[in-house]
PDB file of N, CA and C in Angstrom:
ATOM      1  N   MET A   1     -33.705 106.377-114.448  1.00  0.00           N
ATOM      2  CA  MET A   1     -32.591 107.182-113.794  1.00  0.00           C
ATOM      3  C   MET A   1     -31.639 106.819-113.838  1.00  0.00           C
ATOM      4  N   ASP A   2     -30.182 107.645-113.981  1.00  0.00           N
ATOM      5  CA  ASP A   2     -29.387 107.247-114.421  1.00  0.00           C
ATOM      6  C   ASP A   2     -28.283 106.649-113.617  1.00  0.00           C
ATOM      7  N   TRP A   3     -27.260 106.208-114.207  1.00  0.00           N
ATOM      8  CA  TRP A   3     -26.266 105.192-113.132  1.00  0.00           C
ATOM      9  C   TRP A   3     -25.845 106.047-111.857  1.00  0.00           C
ATOM     10  N   ILE A   4     -25.529 107.367-111.811  1.00  0.00           N
ATOM     11  CA  ILE A   4     -24.819 107.716-110.812  1.00  0.00           C
ATOM     12  C   ILE A   4     -26.615 108.285-109.789  1.00  0.00           C
ATOM     13  N   GLY A   5     -27.600 108.353-110.217  1.00  0.00           N
ATOM     14  CA  GLY A   5     -28.237 108.384-109.544  1.00  0.00           C
ATOM     15  C   GLY A   5     -28.832 107.143-108.355  1.00  0.00           C
ATOM     16  N   ARG A   6     -28.569 106.022-109.029  1.00  0.00           N
ATOM     17  CA  ARG A   6     -29.152 104.723-108.932  1.00  0.00           C
ATOM     18  C   ARG A   6     -28.181 104.092-107.230  1.00  0.00           C
ATOM     19  N   LYS A   7     -26.589 104.675-108.081  1.00  0.00           N
ATOM     20  CA  LYS A   7     -25.831 103.761-107.719  1.00  0.00           C
ATOM     21  C   LYS A   7     -25.886 104.602-105.908  1.00  0.00           C
ATOM     22  N   PHE A   8     -26.358 106.394-106.232  1.00  0.00           N
ATOM     23  CA  PHE A   8     -26.157 107.158-104.647  1.00  0.00           C
ATOM     24  C   PHE A   8     -27.525 106.350-103.824  1.00  0.00           C
ATOM     25  N   LEU A   9     -28.461 106.240-105.020  1.00  0.00           N
ATOM     26  CA  LEU A   9     -29.239 105.927-103.546  1.00  0.00           C
ATOM     27  C   LEU A   9     -29.639 104.733-102.987  1.00  0.00           C
ATOM     28  N   THR A  10     -28.475 103.567-103.381  1.00  0.00           N
ATOM     29  CA  THR A  10     -28.240 102.683-103.104  1.00  0.00           C
ATOM     30  C   THR A  10     -27.078 102.989-101.403  1.00  0.00           C
ATOM     31  N   ASN A  11     -26.808 103.503-101.178  1.00  0.00           N
ATOM     32  CA  ASN A  11     -25.370 103.727-100.477  1.00  0.00           C
ATOM     33  C   ASN A  11     -26.300 104.855 -99.185  1.00  0.00           C
ATOM     34  N   LEU A  12     -26.792 104.304 -98.431  1.00  0.00           N
ATOM     35  CA  LEU A  12     -27.356 104.832 -97.368  1.00  0.00           C
ATOM     36  C   LEU A  12     -26.374 104.390 -95.973  1.00  0.00           C
ATOM     37  N   ASN A  13     -26.753 105.954 -95.103  1.00  0.00           N
ATOM     38  CA  ASN A  13     -25.523 105.643 -93.850  1.00  0.00           C
ATOM     39  C   ASN A  13     -26.561 104.588 -92.753  1.00  0.00           C
ATOM     40  N   CYS A  14     -26.286 104.769 -91.403  1.00  0.00           N
ATOM     41  CA  CYS A  14     -26.749 104.611 -90.472  1.00  0.00           C
ATOM     42  C   CYS A  14     -27.814 105.250 -90.066  1.00  0.00           C
ATOM     43  N   PHE A  15     -28.176 106.199 -90.279  1.00  0.00           N
ATOM     44  CA  PHE A  15     -29.800 106.814 -90.308  1.00  0.00           C
ATOM     45  C   PHE A  15     -30.439 106.611 -91.775  1.00  0.00           C
ATOM     46  N   GLY A  16     -30.470 105.850 -92.701  1.00  0.00           N
ATOM     47  CA  GLY A  16     -30.923 105.679 -93.736  1.00  0.00           C
ATOM     48  C   GLY A  16     -31.091 106.877 -94.931  1.00  0.00           C
ATOM     49  N   GLU A  17     -29.600 108.031 -94.174  1.00  0.00           N
ATOM     50  CA  GLU A  17     -29.851 109.350 -95.245  1.00  0.00           C
ATOM     51  C   GLU A  17     -28.772 108.626 -96.552  1.00  0.00           C
ATOM     52  N   LYS A  18     -28.983 109.207 -97.367  1.00  0.00           N
ATOM     53  CA  LYS A  18     -28.440 108.929 -98.987  1.00  0.00           C
ATOM     54  C   LYS A  18     -26.760 109.530 -98.600  1.00  0.00           C
ATOM     55  N   LYS A  19     -25.680 109.313 -99.216  1.00  0.00           N
ATOM     56  CA  LYS A  19     -24.583 109.819 -99.179  1.00  0.00           C
ATOM     57  C   LYS A  19     -23.387 109.343-100.087  1.00  0.00           C
ATOM     58  N   MET A  20     -22.928 110.246-101.038  1.00  0.00           N
ATOM     59  CA  MET A  20     -21.483 109.495-101.452  1.00  0.00           C
ATOM     60  C   MET A  20     -20.508 110.190-101.124  1.00  0.00           C
ATOM     61  N   ASN A  21     -19.796 109.145-101.593  1.00  0.00           N
ATOM     62  CA  ASN A  21     -18.201 109.211-100.913  1.00  0.00           C
ATOM     63  C   ASN A  21     -17.221 109.798-102.139  1.00  0.00           C
ATOM     64  N   LYS A  22     -15.909 109.447-101.481  1.00  0.00           N
ATOM     65  CA  LYS A  22     -14.793 110.040-102.638  1.00  0.00           C
ATOM     66  C   LYS A  22     -14.375 109.446-103.765  1.00  0.00           C
ATOM     67  N   SER A  23     -14.492 107.848-103.744  1.00  0.00           N
ATOM     68  CA  SER A  23     -14.829 106.635-104.569  1.00  0.00           C
ATOM     69  C   SER A  23     -16.115 107.047-105.597  1.00  0.00           C
ATOM     70  N   GLU A  24     -17.510 107.334-104.955  1.00  0.00           N
ATOM     71  CA  GLU A  24     -18.606 107.896-105.840  1.00  0.00           C
ATOM     72  C   GLU A  24     -18.218 108.342-106.427  1.00  0.00           C
ATOM     73  N   LEU A  25     -18.039 109.331-105.763  1.00  0.00           N
ATOM     74  CA  LEU A  25     -17.493 110.843-107.197  1.00  0.00           C
ATOM     75  C   LEU A  25     -16.755 110.489-108.226  1.00  0.00           C
ATOM     76  N   ILE A  26     -15.543 109.964-107.541  1.00  0.00           N
ATOM     77  CA  ILE A  26     -15.000 110.051-108.761  1.00  0.00           C
ATOM     78  C   ILE A  26     -15.040 109.078-110.158  1.00  0.00           C
ATOM     79  N   GLU A  27     -15.890 108.210-109.810  1.00  0.00           N
ATOM     80  CA  GLU A  27     -16.641 107.035-110.632  1.00  0.00           C
ATOM     81  C   GLU A  27     -17.651 108.037-111.366  1.00  0.00           C
ATOM     82  N   ALA A  28     -18.751 109.023-110.473  1.00  0.00           N
ATOM     83  CA  ALA A  28     -19.491 109.733-111.332  1.00  0.00           C
ATOM     84  C   ALA A  28     -19.075 110.775-112.480  1.00  0.00           C
ATOM     85  N   LEU A  29     -17.773 111.194-111.786  1.00  0.00           N
ATOM     86  CA  LEU A  29     -17.227 112.000-112.828  1.00  0.00           C
ATOM     87  C   LEU A  29     -16.578 111.383-113.972  1.00  0.00           C
ATOM     88  N   SER A  30     -15.859 110.061-113.862  1.00  0.00           N
ATOM     89  CA  SER A  30     -15.068 109.069-114.743  1.00  0.00           C
ATOM     90  C   SER A  30     -16.887 108.782-115.582  1.00  0.00           C
ATOM     91  N   GLN A  31     -17.716 108.763-115.311  1.00  0.00           N
ATOM     92  CA  GLN A  31     -18.867 108.327-116.195  1.00  0.00           C
ATOM     93  C   GLN A  31     -19.244 109.914-116.892  1.00  0.00           C
ATOM     94  N   LYS A  32     -18.946 110.961-116.095  1.00  0.00           N
ATOM     95  CA  LYS A  32     -19.926 112.021-116.372  1.00  0.00           C
ATOM     96  C   LYS A  32     -19.038 112.707-117.829  1.00  0.00           C
ATOM     97  N   ILE A  33     -17.589 112.474-117.834  1.00  0.00           N
ATOM     98  CA  ILE A  33     -16.923 113.364-118.751  1.00  0.00           C
ATOM     99  C   ILE A  33     -16.201 112.147-119.329  1.00  0.00           C
ATOM    100  N   ASN A  34     -16.365 111.411-119.549  1.00  0.00           N
ATOM    101  CA  ASN A  34     -15.959 109.698-120.192  1.00  0.00           C
ATOM    102  C   ASN A  34     -14.564 109.992-120.403  1.00  0.00           C
ATOM    103  N   VAL A  35     -13.763 109.809-119.013  1.00  0.00           N
ATOM    104  CA  VAL A  35     -12.468 109.386-118.725  1.00  0.00           C
ATOM    105  C   VAL A  35     -12.174 108.381-118.086  1.00  0.00           C
ATOM    106  N   PRO A  36     -10.935 108.188-118.172  1.00  0.00           N
ATOM    107  CA  PRO A  36     -10.457 106.468-117.175  1.00  0.00           C
ATOM    108  C   PRO A  36     -10.977 107.281-115.928  1.00  0.00           C
ATOM    109  N   LEU A  37     -11.265 106.238-114.838  1.00  0.00           N
ATOM    110  CA  LEU A  37     -11.081 106.502-113.877  1.00  0.00           C
ATOM    111  C   LEU A  37      -9.807 106.944-112.652  1.00  0.00           C
ATOM    112  N   ARG A  38      -8.803 106.383-113.393  1.00  0.00           N
ATOM    113  CA  ARG A  38      -7.345 106.965-112.955  1.00  0.00           C
ATOM    114  C   ARG A  38      -7.259 108.664-113.533  1.00  0.00           C
ATOM    115  N   GLU A  39      -7.581 108.849-114.434  1.00  0.00           N
ATOM    116  CA  GLU A  39      -7.356 110.275-114.798  1.00  0.00           C
ATOM    117  C   GLU A  39      -8.302 111.064-113.600  1.00  0.00           C
ATOM    118  N   ALA A  40     -10.130 110.538-113.851  1.00  0.00           N
ATOM    119  CA  ALA A  40     -11.280 111.144-113.031  1.00  0.00           C
ATOM    120  C   ALA A  40     -10.702 111.244-111.172  1.00  0.00           C
ATOM    121  N   ASP A  41      -9.694 110.618-110.862  1.00  0.00           N
ATOM    122  CA  ASP A  41      -9.066 110.352-109.641  1.00  0.00           C
ATOM    123  C   ASP A  41      -8.251 111.273-109.142  1.00  0.00           C
ATOM    124  N   SER A  42      -6.990 111.629-110.533  1.00  0.00           N
ATOM    125  CA  SER A  42      -6.258 112.586-110.535  1.00  0.00           C
ATOM    126  C   SER A  42      -6.922 114.239-110.917  1.00  0.00           C
ATOM    127  N   ILE A  43      -8.232 113.959-111.072  1.00  0.00           N
ATOM    128  CA  ILE A  43      -9.085 115.400-111.381  1.00  0.00           C
ATOM    129  C   ILE A  43      -9.444 116.134-109.826  1.00  0.00           C
ATOM    130  N   THR A  44     -10.058 114.815-109.759  1.00  0.00           N
ATOM    131  CA  THR A  44     -10.975 114.493-108.308  1.00  0.00           C
ATOM    132  C   THR A  44      -9.467 115.587-107.350  1.00  0.00           C
ATOM    133  N   ASN A  45      -8.608 114.598-106.755  1.00  0.00           N
ATOM    134  CA  ASN A  45      -7.494 115.010-105.753  1.00  0.00           C
ATOM    135  C   ASN A  45      -7.251 115.947-106.344  1.00  0.00           C
ATOM    136  N   THR A  46      -6.438 116.643-107.195  1.00  0.00           N
ATOM    137  CA  THR A  46      -5.927 117.667-107.704  1.00  0.00           C
ATOM    138  C   THR A  46      -6.775 119.193-107.296  1.00  0.00           C
ATOM    139  N   VAL A  47      -8.159 118.963-107.876  1.00  0.00           N
ATOM    140  CA  VAL A  47      -9.301 119.949-107.334  1.00  0.00           C
ATOM    141  C   VAL A  47      -9.479 120.078-105.314  1.00  0.00           C
ATOM    142  N   LEU A  48      -9.491 118.480-104.931  1.00  0.00           N
ATOM    143  CA  LEU A  48      -9.461 118.949-103.328  1.00  0.00           C
ATOM    144  C   LEU A  48      -8.000 119.100-102.554  1.00  0.00           C
ATOM    145  N   GLU A  49      -7.286 119.310-103.569  1.00  0.00           N
ATOM    146  CA  GLU A  49      -5.664 119.589-102.892  1.00  0.00           C
ATOM    147  C   GLU A  49      -5.467 121.027-102.995  1.00  0.00           C
ATOM    148  N   ALA A  50      -6.063 120.958-104.061  1.00  0.00           N
ATOM    149  CA  ALA A  50      -5.894 123.176-104.569  1.00  0.00           C
ATOM    150  C   ALA A  50      -6.902 123.958-103.229  1.00  0.00           C
ATOM    151  N   MET A  51      -8.268 123.237-102.818  1.00  0.00           N
ATOM    152  CA  MET A  51      -9.167 123.469-102.046  1.00  0.00           C
ATOM    153  C   MET A  51      -8.358 123.998-100.828  1.00  0.00           C
ATOM    154  N   THR A  52      -8.255 122.294-100.527  1.00  0.00           N
ATOM    155  CA  THR A  52      -7.573 122.527 -98.917  1.00  0.00           C
ATOM    156  C   THR A  52      -6.230 123.315 -98.704  1.00  0.00           C
ATOM    157  N   ASP A  53      -5.338 123.196 -99.288  1.00  0.00           N
ATOM    158  CA  ASP A  53      -4.041 124.487 -99.596  1.00  0.00           C
ATOM    159  C   ASP A  53      -4.431 125.968 -99.209  1.00  0.00           C
ATOM    160  N   ALA A  54      -5.649 126.166-100.365  1.00  0.00           N
ATOM    161  CA  ALA A  54      -6.393 127.468 -99.833  1.00  0.00           C
ATOM    162  C   ALA A  54      -6.597 127.283 -98.967  1.00  0.00           C
ATOM    163  N   LEU A  55      -7.654 126.632 -98.204  1.00  0.00           N
ATOM    164  CA  LEU A  55      -8.256 126.827 -97.094  1.00  0.00           C
ATOM    165  C   LEU A  55      -7.142 127.491 -95.850  1.00  0.00           C
ATOM    166  N   ALA A  56      -6.527 126.340 -96.155  1.00  0.00           N
ATOM    167  CA  ALA A  56      -5.019 126.122 -94.796  1.00  0.00           C
ATOM    168  C   ALA A  56      -3.957 127.343 -95.238  1.00  0.00           C
ATOM    169  N   ALA A  57      -4.065 128.020 -96.330  1.00  0.00           N
ATOM    170  CA  ALA A  57      -3.659 129.305 -96.112  1.00  0.00           C
ATOM    171  C   ALA A  57      -4.429 130.493 -95.471  1.00  0.00           C
ATOM    172  N   GLY A  58      -5.873 130.084 -95.195  1.00  0.00           N
ATOM    173  CA  GLY A  58      -6.452 131.654 -94.985  1.00  0.00           C
ATOM    174  C   GLY A  58      -7.333 131.975 -95.733  1.00  0.00           C
ATOM    175  N   ASN A  59      -6.637 131.309 -97.224  1.00  0.00           N
ATOM    176  CA  ASN A  59      -8.260 132.081 -98.091  1.00  0.00           C
ATOM    177  C   ASN A  59      -9.012 131.542 -98.561  1.00  0.00           C
ATOM    178  N   SER A  60     -10.301 132.580 -99.085  1.00  0.00           N
ATOM    179  CA  SER A  60     -11.637 131.750 -99.622  1.00  0.00           C
ATOM    180  C   SER A  60     -12.099 130.937-100.255  1.00  0.00           C
ATOM    181  N   ILE A  61     -12.546 130.792-101.014  1.00  0.00           N
ATOM    182  CA  ILE A  61     -13.050 129.751-101.887  1.00  0.00           C
ATOM    183  C   ILE A  61     -14.177 129.946-101.938  1.00  0.00           C
ATOM    184  N   GLU A  62     -14.689 130.680-103.851  1.00  0.00           N
ATOM    185  CA  GLU A  62     -16.049 131.175-103.794  1.00  0.00           C
ATOM    186  C   GLU A  62     -16.735 129.972-105.336  1.00  0.00           C
ATOM    187  N   ILE A  63     -17.471 129.166-105.611  1.00  0.00           N
ATOM    188  CA  ILE A  63     -17.646 128.128-106.341  1.00  0.00           C
ATOM    189  C   ILE A  63     -19.399 129.091-106.628  1.00  0.00           C
ATOM    190  N   ARG A  64     -19.573 130.002-107.826  1.00  0.00           N
ATOM    191  CA  ARG A  64     -20.984 130.415-107.875  1.00  0.00           C
ATOM    192  C   ARG A  64     -21.772 129.367-107.912  1.00  0.00           C
ATOM    193  N   GLY A  65     -23.089 129.828-107.463  1.00  0.00           N
ATOM    194  CA  GLY A  65     -24.352 128.389-107.320  1.00  0.00           C
ATOM    195  C   GLY A  65     -23.570 126.990-106.697  1.00  0.00           C
ATOM    196  N   PHE A  66     -22.705 127.095-106.335  1.00  0.00           N
ATOM    197  CA  PHE A  66     -22.544 125.864-105.352  1.00  0.00           C
ATOM    198  C   PHE A  66     -22.206 126.753-103.890  1.00  0.00           C
ATOM    199  N   GLY A  67     -21.495 127.178-103.742  1.00  0.00           N
ATOM    200  CA  GLY A  67     -20.789 127.720-102.166  1.00  0.00           C
ATOM    201  C   GLY A  67     -20.049 128.141-101.827  1.00  0.00           C
ATOM    202  N   SER A  68     -19.477 129.054-101.109  1.00  0.00           N
ATOM    203  CA  SER A  68     -18.360 129.044-100.632  1.00  0.00           C
ATOM    204  C   SER A  68     -17.742 128.591 -99.735  1.00  0.00           C
ATOM    205  N   PHE A  69     -16.338 128.637 -99.260  1.00  0.00           N
ATOM    206  CA  PHE A  69     -15.677 128.424 -98.024  1.00  0.00           C
ATOM    207  C   PHE A  69     -14.962 129.166 -97.554  1.00  0.00           C
ATOM    208  N   LYS A  70     -14.641 129.158 -96.529  1.00  0.00           N
ATOM    209  CA  LYS A  70     -14.233 129.921 -95.627  1.00  0.00           C
ATOM    210  C   LYS A  70     -13.363 129.276 -94.309  1.00  0.00           C
ATOM    211  N   VAL A  71     -12.222 129.712 -93.967  1.00  0.00           N
ATOM    212  CA  VAL A  71     -11.768 129.794 -92.390  1.00  0.00           C
ATOM    213  C   VAL A  71     -12.302 130.600 -91.733  1.00  0.00           C
ATOM    214  N   LYS A  72     -13.230 130.308 -89.993  1.00  0.00           N
ATOM    215  CA  LYS A  72     -13.710 130.976 -89.206  1.00  0.00           C
ATOM    216  C   LYS A  72     -12.528 130.856 -88.011  1.00  0.00           C
ATOM    217  N   HIS A  73     -12.233 131.616 -87.520  1.00  0.00           N
ATOM    218  CA  HIS A  73     -10.572 131.731 -86.394  1.00  0.00           C
ATOM    219  C   HIS A  73     -11.816 131.510 -85.070  1.00  0.00           C
ATOM    220  N   TYR A  74     -11.715 130.973 -83.766  1.00  0.00           N
ATOM    221  CA  TYR A  74     -12.573 131.087 -82.594  1.00  0.00           C
ATOM    222  C   TYR A  74     -12.154 131.610 -81.712  1.00  0.00           C
ATOM    223  N   GLU A  75     -11.946 132.144 -80.788  1.00  0.00           N
ATOM    224  CA  GLU A  75     -11.061 132.327 -79.522  1.00  0.00           C
ATOM    225  C   GLU A  75     -11.190 131.235 -78.639  1.00  0.00           C
ATOM    226  N   GLY A  76     -10.033 131.302 -78.129  1.00  0.00           N
ATOM    227  CA  GLY A  76      -9.956 130.011 -76.886  1.00  0.00           C
ATOM    228  C   GLY A  76     -11.115 130.635 -75.692  1.00  0.00           C
ATOM    229  N   TYR A  77     -11.119 129.547 -74.886  1.00  0.00           N
ATOM    230  CA  TYR A  77     -11.988 129.805 -73.469  1.00  0.00           C
ATOM    231  C   TYR A  77     -12.114 128.801 -72.583  1.00  0.00           C
ATOM    232  N   THR A  78     -12.749 129.297 -71.629  1.00  0.00           N
ATOM    233  CA  THR A  78     -12.571 128.822 -70.574  1.00  0.00           C
ATOM    234  C   THR A  78     -13.987 127.614 -70.529  1.00  0.00           C
ATOM    235  N   GLY A  79     -13.525 126.041 -70.536  1.00  0.00           N
ATOM    236  CA  GLY A  79     -14.653 125.075 -70.533  1.00  0.00           C
ATOM    237  C   GLY A  79     -14.356 124.366 -69.641  1.00  0.00           C
ATOM    238  N   ARG A  80     -15.546 123.631 -69.776  1.00  0.00           N
ATOM    239  CA  ARG A  80     -15.572 122.475 -68.422  1.00  0.00           C
ATOM    240  C   ARG A  80     -15.738 121.045 -68.747  1.00  0.00           C
ATOM    241  N   ASN A  81     -15.131 120.311 -67.997  1.00  0.00           N
ATOM    242  CA  ASN A  81     -14.839 118.828 -68.689  1.00  0.00           C
ATOM    243  C   ASN A  81     -16.231 117.750 -67.882  1.00  0.00           C
ATOM    244  N   PRO A  82     -16.901 117.595 -69.350  1.00  0.00           N
ATOM    245  CA  PRO A  82     -18.559 117.196 -68.672  1.00  0.00           C
ATOM    246  C   PRO A  82     -18.138 115.404 -67.577  1.00  0.00           C
ATOM    247  N   ARG A  83     -16.841 115.149 -67.638  1.00  0.00           N
ATOM    248  CA  ARG A  83     -16.806 114.044 -67.123  1.00  0.00           C
ATOM    249  C   ARG A  83     -16.955 114.037 -65.022  1.00  0.00           C
ATOM    250  N   THR A  84     -15.133 115.053 -65.212  1.00  0.00           N
ATOM    251  CA  THR A  84     -15.387 115.404 -63.771  1.00  0.00           C
ATOM    252  C   THR A  84     -15.445 116.752 -63.181  1.00  0.00           C
ATOM    253  N   GLY A  85     -16.395 117.693 -64.306  1.00  0.00           N
ATOM    254  CA  GLY A  85     -16.716 119.065 -63.904  1.00  0.00           C
ATOM    255  C   GLY A  85     -15.604 120.010 -63.488  1.00  0.00           C
ATOM    256  N   GLU A  86     -13.946 119.463 -64.142  1.00  0.00           N
ATOM    257  CA  GLU A  86     -12.759 120.233 -63.750  1.00  0.00           C
ATOM    258  C   GLU A  86     -12.980 121.216 -65.230  1.00  0.00           C
ATOM    259  N   THR A  87     -12.530 122.795 -64.613  1.00  0.00           N
ATOM    260  CA  THR A  87     -12.420 123.698 -65.925  1.00  0.00           C
ATOM    261  C   THR A  87     -10.804 123.394 -66.800  1.00  0.00           C
ATOM    262  N   VAL A  88     -11.469 123.665 -67.800  1.00  0.00           N
ATOM    263  CA  VAL A  88     -10.039 123.229 -68.765  1.00  0.00           C
ATOM    264  C   VAL A  88     -10.440 124.718 -69.740  1.00  0.00           C
ATOM    265  N   LYS A  89      -8.480 124.496 -70.117  1.00  0.00           N
ATOM    266  CA  LYS A  89      -8.669 126.129 -71.211  1.00  0.00           C
ATOM    267  C   LYS A  89      -8.738 125.334 -72.597  1.00  0.00           C
ATOM    268  N   VAL A  90      -9.254 125.859 -73.362  1.00  0.00           N
ATOM    269  CA  VAL A  90      -9.621 125.233 -74.893  1.00  0.00           C
ATOM    270  C   VAL A  90      -8.639 126.359 -75.698  1.00  0.00           C
ATOM    271  N   LYS A  91      -7.708 126.008 -76.306  1.00  0.00           N
ATOM    272  CA  LYS A  91      -7.077 127.111 -77.354  1.00  0.00           C
ATOM    273  C   LYS A  91      -7.631 127.356 -78.424  1.00  0.00           C
ATOM    274  N   PRO A  92      -7.027 128.240 -79.022  1.00  0.00           N
ATOM    275  CA  PRO A  92      -8.141 128.845 -80.091  1.00  0.00           C
ATOM    276  C   PRO A  92      -7.745 128.472 -81.322  1.00  0.00           C
ATOM    277  N   LYS A  93      -8.686 128.367 -82.063  1.00  0.00           N
ATOM    278  CA  LYS A  93      -8.879 127.162 -83.188  1.00  0.00           C
ATOM    279  C   LYS A  93      -8.804 127.706 -84.829  1.00  0.00           C
ATOM    280  N   LYS A  94      -8.808 127.486 -86.271  1.00  0.00           N
ATOM    281  CA  LYS A  94      -9.287 127.737 -86.994  1.00  0.00           C
ATOM    282  C   LYS A  94     -10.108 126.369 -87.990  1.00  0.00           C
ATOM    283  N   LEU A  95     -11.640 126.681 -88.138  1.00  0.00           N
ATOM    284  CA  LEU A  95     -11.990 125.761 -88.319  1.00  0.00           C
ATOM    285  C   LEU A  95     -12.482 125.899 -90.059  1.00  0.00           C
ATOM    286  N   PRO A  96     -12.954 125.063 -91.035  1.00  0.00           N
ATOM    287  CA  PRO A  96     -13.604 125.358 -92.336  1.00  0.00           C
ATOM    288  C   PRO A  96     -15.082 125.403 -92.123  1.00  0.00           C
ATOM    289  N   PHE A  97     -15.557 126.390 -92.909  1.00  0.00           N
ATOM    290  CA  PHE A  97     -16.653 126.755 -92.997  1.00  0.00           C
ATOM    291  C   PHE A  97     -17.329 127.036 -94.134  1.00  0.00           C
ATOM    292  N   PHE A  98     -17.968 126.319 -94.419  1.00  0.00           N
ATOM    293  CA  PHE A  98     -19.103 126.149 -96.065  1.00  0.00           C
ATOM    294  C   PHE A  98     -20.226 126.795 -96.008  1.00  0.00           C
ATOM    295  N   LYS A  99     -20.837 127.749 -96.842  1.00  0.00           N
ATOM    296  CA  LYS A  99     -21.905 128.625 -96.952  1.00  0.00           C
ATOM    297  C   LYS A  99     -22.731 127.788 -98.379  1.00  0.00           C
ATOM    298  N   CYS A 100     -23.868 127.451 -97.888  1.00  0.00           N
ATOM    299  CA  CYS A 100     -24.107 127.401 -99.300  1.00  0.00           C
ATOM    300  C   CYS A 100     -24.942 128.128-100.108  1.00  0.00           C
ATOM    301  N   GLY A 101     -24.457 128.166-101.733  1.00  0.00           N
ATOM    302  CA  GLY A 101     -24.947 128.982-102.315  1.00  0.00           C
ATOM    303  C   GLY A 101     -26.199 129.353-102.877  1.00  0.00           C
ATOM    304  N   LYS A 102     -27.424 129.861-103.644  1.00  0.00           N
ATOM    305  CA  LYS A 102     -28.411 130.382-104.058  1.00  0.00           C
ATOM    306  C   LYS A 102     -29.096 129.040-104.847  1.00  0.00           C
ATOM    307  N   GLU A 103     -27.877 129.174-105.625  1.00  0.00           N
ATOM    308  CA  GLU A 103     -28.689 127.417-106.592  1.00  0.00           C
ATOM    309  C   GLU A 103     -28.805 126.608-106.468  1.00  0.00           C
ATOM    310  N   LEU A 104     -27.572 126.260-105.273  1.00  0.00           N
ATOM    311  CA  LEU A 104     -28.047 124.652-105.039  1.00  0.00           C
ATOM    312  C   LEU A 104     -29.230 124.565-103.851  1.00  0.00           C
ATOM    313  N   LYS A 105     -29.151 125.550-102.857  1.00  0.00           N
ATOM    314  CA  LYS A 105     -30.007 125.750-102.143  1.00  0.00           C
ATOM    315  C   LYS A 105     -31.819 124.758-103.064  1.00  0.00           C
ATOM    316  N   GLU A 106     -31.734 125.751-103.434  1.00  0.00           N
ATOM    317  CA  GLU A 106     -32.765 126.039-104.569  1.00  0.00           C
ATOM    318  C   GLU A 106     -33.358 124.315-105.312  1.00  0.00           C
ATOM    319  N   ARG A 107     -31.576 123.782-105.992  1.00  0.00           N
ATOM    320  CA  ARG A 107     -32.437 122.333-106.615  1.00  0.00           C
ATOM    321  C   ARG A 107     -32.158 121.533-105.159  1.00  0.00           C
ATOM    322  N   VAL A 108     -31.703 121.744-103.833  1.00  0.00           N
ATOM    323  CA  VAL A 108     -31.700 120.523-103.196  1.00  0.00           C
ATOM    324  C   VAL A 108     -33.438 120.459-102.087  1.00  0.00           C
ATOM    325  N   ASP A 109     -33.841 122.128-102.479  1.00  0.00           N
ATOM    326  CA  ASP A 109     -35.485 122.201-101.775  1.00  0.00           C
ATOM    327  C   ASP A 109     -36.203 121.553-102.776  1.00  0.00           C
ATOM    328  N   ILE A 110     -36.723 120.267-102.626  1.00  0.00           N
ATOM    329  CA  ILE A 110     -37.891 119.896-103.749  1.00  0.00           C
ATOM    330  C   ILE A 110     -38.922 120.626-103.805  1.00  0.00           C
ATOM    331  N   TYR A 111     -39.151 120.952-102.446  1.00  0.00           N
ATOM    332  CA  TYR A 111     -40.707 121.556-101.485  1.00  0.00           C
ATOM    333  C   TYR A 111     -41.173 122.801-101.672  1.00  0.00           C
ATOM    334  N   LYS A 112     -40.081 123.433-102.977  1.00  0.00           N
ATOM    335  CA  LYS A 112     -40.451 125.389-103.187  1.00  0.00           C
ATOM    336  C   LYS A 112     -42.066 124.531-104.069  1.00  0.00           C
TER     337      LYS A 112
END
């Protein structure tokens, strides 16, 4: 098992699920393409910032084999406060949405 796999397997959340945070992603990128951590940090931040800016502008992002990101629009509605039972108006909102690509699904689904 390579360094990235070992590092990833030692980081578990409160449910015992494996996770990778941003700094571990930067470390993995640095190791994979053999660049200093500072440069890998800059690359990662540039990519994430470009994706965030595109979504904030209402654009969608498609990364073949990985998945696509888009902004979903939700209409306002009348909800209920669970504590008091009082009705409240919930404002319309936009939220980012990720749809997994076929290749990523196949790599993740090891039970095929």
